[in-house]
Protein backbone atom coordinates (compact mmCIF):
# COMPACT_ATOMS: atom_id res chain seq x y z
CA MET A 1 -12.47 -8.73 -12.31
CA ASN A 2 -13.40 -11.64 -14.22
CA ILE A 3 -10.59 -14.13 -13.66
CA PRO A 4 -11.60 -17.22 -10.81
CA ILE A 5 -9.74 -16.31 -8.25
CA ASN A 6 -12.06 -16.98 -5.60
CA ASP A 7 -11.80 -21.37 -6.11
CA ILE A 8 -8.20 -21.27 -5.47
CA LEU A 9 -8.37 -19.19 -2.16
CA GLU A 10 -10.84 -21.17 -0.95
CA GLN A 11 -8.28 -23.77 -1.24
CA MET A 12 -6.03 -21.97 0.99
CA LYS A 13 -5.40 -22.28 4.72
CA PRO A 14 -7.56 -19.27 6.68
CA ILE A 15 -6.00 -17.15 8.82
CA THR A 16 -7.87 -14.74 11.11
CA LEU A 17 -7.81 -10.88 11.82
CA GLU A 18 -6.87 -11.69 15.90
CA GLU A 19 -4.66 -14.57 14.70
CA MET A 20 -2.54 -11.89 12.55
CA LYS A 21 -1.75 -9.74 14.94
CA HIS A 22 1.82 -10.94 16.13
CA ILE A 23 2.54 -11.03 12.44
CA ARG A 24 2.29 -6.77 12.06
CA LEU A 25 5.81 -6.42 10.97
CA MET A 26 5.03 -2.63 11.89
CA ASP A 27 9.43 -2.05 11.59
CA ARG A 28 10.21 -3.97 8.57
CA VAL A 29 11.45 -4.62 4.98
CA ASP A 30 9.14 -3.85 2.35
CA SER A 31 9.82 -5.59 -1.22
CA LYS A 32 7.78 -4.41 -3.92
CA PHE A 33 7.01 -5.82 -6.76
CA VAL A 34 4.50 -4.80 -10.24
CA ALA A 35 2.72 -7.36 -12.28
CA PRO A 36 -0.41 -7.31 -14.38
CA VAL A 37 -3.39 -8.47 -12.72
CA SER A 38 -3.86 -11.35 -15.83
CA ILE A 39 -1.26 -13.44 -14.05
CA LEU A 40 -2.96 -13.32 -10.63
CA PRO A 41 -4.97 -16.74 -10.95
CA GLN A 42 -1.24 -18.19 -11.90
CA LEU A 43 0.51 -16.77 -8.42
CA LEU A 44 -2.18 -17.56 -6.26
CA GLU A 45 -1.79 -21.30 -7.45
CA LEU A 46 1.48 -20.95 -6.94
CA LEU A 47 1.60 -19.63 -3.24
CA ARG A 48 -1.35 -22.29 -2.13
CA PRO A 49 0.56 -24.43 -0.62
CA ASP A 50 2.70 -22.24 1.39
CA PHE A 51 0.67 -19.68 2.35
CA LYS A 52 -2.31 -18.47 4.70
CA ILE A 53 -5.01 -16.57 3.62
CA GLN A 54 -6.35 -13.83 6.17
CA ILE A 55 -9.85 -13.53 6.57
CA ILE A 56 -12.10 -10.65 7.44
CA GLU A 57 -15.70 -10.95 7.41
CA ASP A 58 -15.61 -14.07 5.83
CA LYS A 59 -14.30 -12.46 2.77
CA LEU A 60 -10.85 -13.89 1.21
CA PHE A 61 -10.32 -10.06 0.36
CA ALA A 62 -11.02 -6.74 1.60
CA ALA A 63 -11.15 -2.95 0.09
CA TYR A 64 -9.44 -0.38 1.31
CA THR A 65 -9.09 3.23 1.06
CA THR A 66 -6.73 5.90 1.86
CA GLN A 67 -6.49 9.55 2.23
CA TYR A 68 -3.13 11.12 2.22
CA MET A 69 -1.81 14.34 3.93
CA ASP A 70 1.07 16.28 2.58
CA THR A 71 1.77 20.40 2.43
CA PRO A 72 0.22 22.85 -0.16
CA GLU A 73 3.85 22.17 -1.93
CA LEU A 74 3.35 18.52 -1.69
CA ASP A 75 6.73 18.41 0.04
CA PHE A 76 6.20 14.38 1.30
CA PHE A 77 5.59 13.81 -2.59
CA LEU A 78 8.69 15.82 -3.66
CA MET A 79 11.21 13.66 -0.89
CA HIS A 80 10.55 10.77 -3.03
CA GLN A 81 10.98 12.28 -6.16
CA ASN A 82 13.81 13.74 -5.27
CA GLY A 83 15.52 11.04 -3.65
CA LYS A 84 15.62 11.62 0.13
CA LEU A 85 15.91 8.25 2.06
CA ASN A 86 14.82 9.41 5.24
CA ARG A 87 11.35 10.35 4.39
CA GLN A 88 7.44 10.25 5.62
CA LYS A 89 3.79 9.88 4.59
CA ILE A 90 0.95 10.86 6.51
CA ARG A 91 -2.18 8.51 5.91
CA ILE A 92 -6.05 7.93 6.89
CA ARG A 93 -6.34 4.12 5.90
CA SER A 94 -9.24 2.66 6.41
CA TYR A 95 -10.65 -0.83 6.13
CA VAL A 96 -14.12 -0.75 4.61
CA ASP A 97 -15.18 -4.38 5.78
CA SER A 98 -14.43 -4.13 9.04
CA ASN A 99 -15.19 -0.27 9.51
CA LEU A 100 -12.09 0.52 10.99
CA SER A 101 -9.92 3.62 9.86
CA PHE A 102 -6.30 4.88 11.46
CA LEU A 103 -4.02 8.10 11.36
CA GLU A 104 -0.89 6.18 9.65
CA ILE A 105 2.39 7.73 10.09
CA LYS A 106 4.95 5.66 7.92
CA ASN A 107 8.93 6.95 7.92
CA LYS A 108 11.56 4.92 5.87
CA ASN A 109 15.06 5.49 6.70
CA ASN A 110 18.33 5.64 4.72
CA LYS A 111 18.63 1.70 5.79
CA GLY A 112 15.31 0.74 3.83
CA ARG A 113 13.57 -0.29 6.37
CA THR A 114 10.27 1.13 7.48
CA GLN A 115 8.70 2.13 10.65
CA LYS A 116 5.20 2.60 10.42
CA ILE A 117 2.69 3.79 13.73
CA ARG A 118 -1.28 4.49 14.56
CA VAL A 119 -3.94 5.39 16.19
CA PRO A 120 -7.40 4.79 15.20
CA VAL A 121 -9.84 7.72 14.19
CA ALA A 122 -13.53 7.56 13.39
CA GLN A 123 -13.11 9.38 10.27
CA THR A 124 -12.37 7.65 6.99
CA HIS A 125 -11.90 11.36 4.98
CA ILE A 126 -11.42 14.69 6.09
CA GLU A 127 -11.27 18.29 4.69
CA ARG A 128 -9.38 19.90 6.86
CA VAL A 129 -6.12 18.54 9.22
CA ASP A 130 -7.68 20.40 12.45
CA GLU A 131 -10.70 17.89 11.94
CA LEU A 132 -8.60 15.64 13.60
CA ALA A 133 -9.02 17.16 17.44
CA GLU A 134 -8.12 14.35 19.59
CA GLU A 135 -5.21 13.32 17.39
CA GLN A 136 -3.27 16.86 17.44
CA ASP A 137 -0.94 15.32 20.02
CA PHE A 138 0.06 12.19 17.71
CA LEU A 139 0.51 14.33 14.85
CA HIS A 140 2.34 17.57 16.64
CA THR A 141 4.99 14.50 17.97
CA HIS A 142 5.80 12.56 14.58
CA ALA A 143 5.26 14.83 11.67
CA LEU A 144 8.06 16.40 10.18
CA PHE A 145 5.59 19.22 9.35
CA GLU A 146 3.75 21.68 11.22
CA LEU A 147 -0.24 20.78 11.31
CA LYS A 148 -1.34 24.06 10.03
CA ASN A 149 0.87 23.21 6.93
CA LEU A 150 -0.91 19.65 6.34
CA GLU A 151 -3.65 19.02 4.10
CA PRO A 152 -5.60 15.96 2.18
CA VAL A 153 -3.98 15.48 -1.52
CA LEU A 154 -4.72 12.45 -2.36
CA SER A 155 -7.70 9.69 -2.05
CA ASN A 156 -7.29 5.66 -3.70
CA THR A 157 -9.36 2.77 -3.29
CA PHE A 158 -8.18 -0.50 -4.03
CA ASN A 159 -9.14 -4.40 -2.65
CA ARG A 160 -6.57 -6.20 -0.97
CA ILE A 161 -5.47 -9.92 -0.70
CA THR A 162 -3.47 -10.60 2.75
CA LEU A 163 -1.53 -13.93 3.04
CA VAL A 164 0.93 -14.92 5.98
CA ASN A 165 3.28 -18.16 5.10
CA ASN A 166 3.10 -21.12 7.17
CA ASN A 167 6.10 -20.40 9.13
CA ALA A 168 4.64 -16.58 9.96
CA THR A 169 7.71 -14.69 8.77
CA GLU A 170 6.56 -13.27 6.10
CA ARG A 171 3.46 -11.01 5.26
CA ILE A 172 2.20 -10.81 1.45
CA THR A 173 -0.09 -8.48 0.06
CA ILE A 174 -1.62 -8.17 -3.57
CA ASP A 175 -3.16 -5.09 -4.44
CA TRP A 176 -5.50 -4.35 -7.93
CA ASN A 177 -8.38 -2.32 -8.77
CA LEU A 178 -6.92 0.59 -7.68
CA THR A 179 -8.33 4.35 -8.37
CA PHE A 180 -6.69 7.51 -7.68
CA GLN A 181 -8.65 10.33 -6.95
CA ASN A 182 -6.24 13.92 -6.28
CA LEU A 183 -8.06 16.13 -4.56
CA LEU A 184 -6.56 19.43 -5.68
CA THR A 185 -6.75 18.68 -9.44
CA GLY A 186 -10.04 17.12 -9.47
CA LYS A 187 -8.65 14.23 -11.86
CA GLU A 188 -9.37 10.82 -11.27
CA GLU A 189 -6.98 7.68 -12.86
CA SER A 190 -7.51 3.63 -12.38
CA PRO A 191 -4.87 1.29 -13.91
CA GLU A 192 -6.83 -1.36 -14.22
CA LYS A 193 -4.25 -3.80 -15.27
CA LEU A 194 -2.06 -2.97 -12.59
CA MET A 195 -1.07 -5.49 -9.67
CA VAL A 196 1.03 -4.23 -6.55
CA LEU A 197 2.19 -6.96 -4.58
CA GLU A 198 4.67 -6.54 -1.62
CA LEU A 199 6.21 -8.87 0.91
CA LYS A 200 6.89 -7.90 4.36
CA GLN A 201 9.92 -9.34 6.54
CA ASP A 202 11.28 -8.43 9.66
CA GLY A 203 15.04 -9.17 7.60
CA ARG A 204 16.32 -10.31 4.22
CA THR A 205 15.50 -13.67 5.22
CA ALA A 206 15.13 -16.33 2.48
CA SER A 207 11.91 -16.22 0.93
CA LYS A 208 9.22 -18.73 -0.49
CA PHE A 209 7.58 -15.74 -1.99
CA ARG A 210 11.13 -13.88 -4.04
CA GLU A 211 10.86 -17.81 -5.48
CA ILE A 212 7.85 -18.05 -7.00
CA VAL A 213 8.13 -14.38 -8.58
CA ASN A 214 11.13 -15.24 -9.54
CA HIS A 215 9.98 -18.56 -11.49
CA LEU A 216 7.11 -16.15 -13.16
CA HIS A 217 9.80 -13.32 -14.18
CA ILE A 218 8.18 -10.75 -12.31
CA LYS A 219 11.28 -8.25 -11.15
CA GLN A 220 10.77 -6.23 -7.73
CA SER A 221 10.02 -2.76 -8.65
CA SER A 222 9.76 -0.15 -6.25
CA PHE A 223 5.84 1.73 -6.16
CA SER A 224 4.68 4.01 -3.90
CA LYS A 225 0.44 4.39 -4.48
CA TYR A 226 0.94 8.18 -2.90
CA CYS A 227 3.87 9.02 -5.53
CA MET A 228 1.95 7.27 -8.40
CA GLY A 229 -1.52 8.22 -7.74
CA THR A 230 -0.18 12.08 -7.76
CA VAL A 231 2.13 11.38 -11.22
CA LEU A 232 -1.26 10.04 -12.82
CA THR A 233 -3.60 12.89 -11.31
CA ASN A 234 -1.35 16.26 -11.16
CA PRO A 235 0.54 16.99 -14.76
CA ASP A 236 1.78 20.25 -13.01
CA ILE A 237 4.16 18.44 -10.28
CA LYS A 238 7.41 17.70 -11.28
CA GLN A 239 7.72 13.74 -11.58
CA ASN A 240 10.74 13.13 -13.82
CA ARG A 241 11.88 10.48 -11.25
CA PHE A 242 8.30 8.67 -11.82
CA LYS A 243 8.11 9.82 -15.66
CA ALA A 244 10.21 6.50 -16.50
CA LYS A 245 9.32 4.45 -14.17
CA TRP A 246 5.52 4.42 -15.11
CA SER A 247 6.42 4.05 -18.80
CA ILE A 248 8.42 1.01 -17.57
CA ILE A 249 5.27 -0.51 -15.63
CA ASN A 250 3.00 0.22 -18.61
CA LYS A 251 4.82 -1.79 -20.95
CA ILE A 252 4.79 -4.77 -17.48
CA THR A 253 1.00 -4.46 -17.73
CA GLN A 254 0.44 -4.48 -21.39
């Protein structure tokens, strides 16, 4: 990405991963926004006075990989597609630069709150769920479906900037350079002009980040990397709920 963001990021106050531990917001309200990556320098310049940047291994942004699990019928995807308010995702999230991976389960309830639970794993990717031998009890306890019905279905990679406001009441993630690889169809897609922003808060409190995105005319828009990655790489899946959304996102990023 040939845009001058490093100079802006280097002017921001740093916060270490250790210092971020008490701001994880594992039970939270998430608000997502989609914007063209071309406005990232302008966004960062506006955020700079009120936000600190998380630094890992002296790096200003981090590389992530994710592998998602679902049933052969893609029940987790269809929960979202069919508008089910209580839904779940299961994934292995890997932090490439720090060589850490976690098996994560995200539950979203009908009140709009997201709860994430996770355990460390050695693998970044698996071919079968039974490779997660030591994590079987975790999955058996928390997964909505039996383990024999789960399999890896989609992988993604992206870069992420993580910010926290000076009062430590909200955390921001900025994701770009997304690539999706469907493990069922073999298809790969990279929406290179897309940037996904996420605001994580304990509740719907006043937010400096919201003020800034409103100023930039960035509208809130639900966005699931798993669901959008599936839509982009699996033309045979039921996707009417997402096709209209992707059309809107395409117009925004163009």
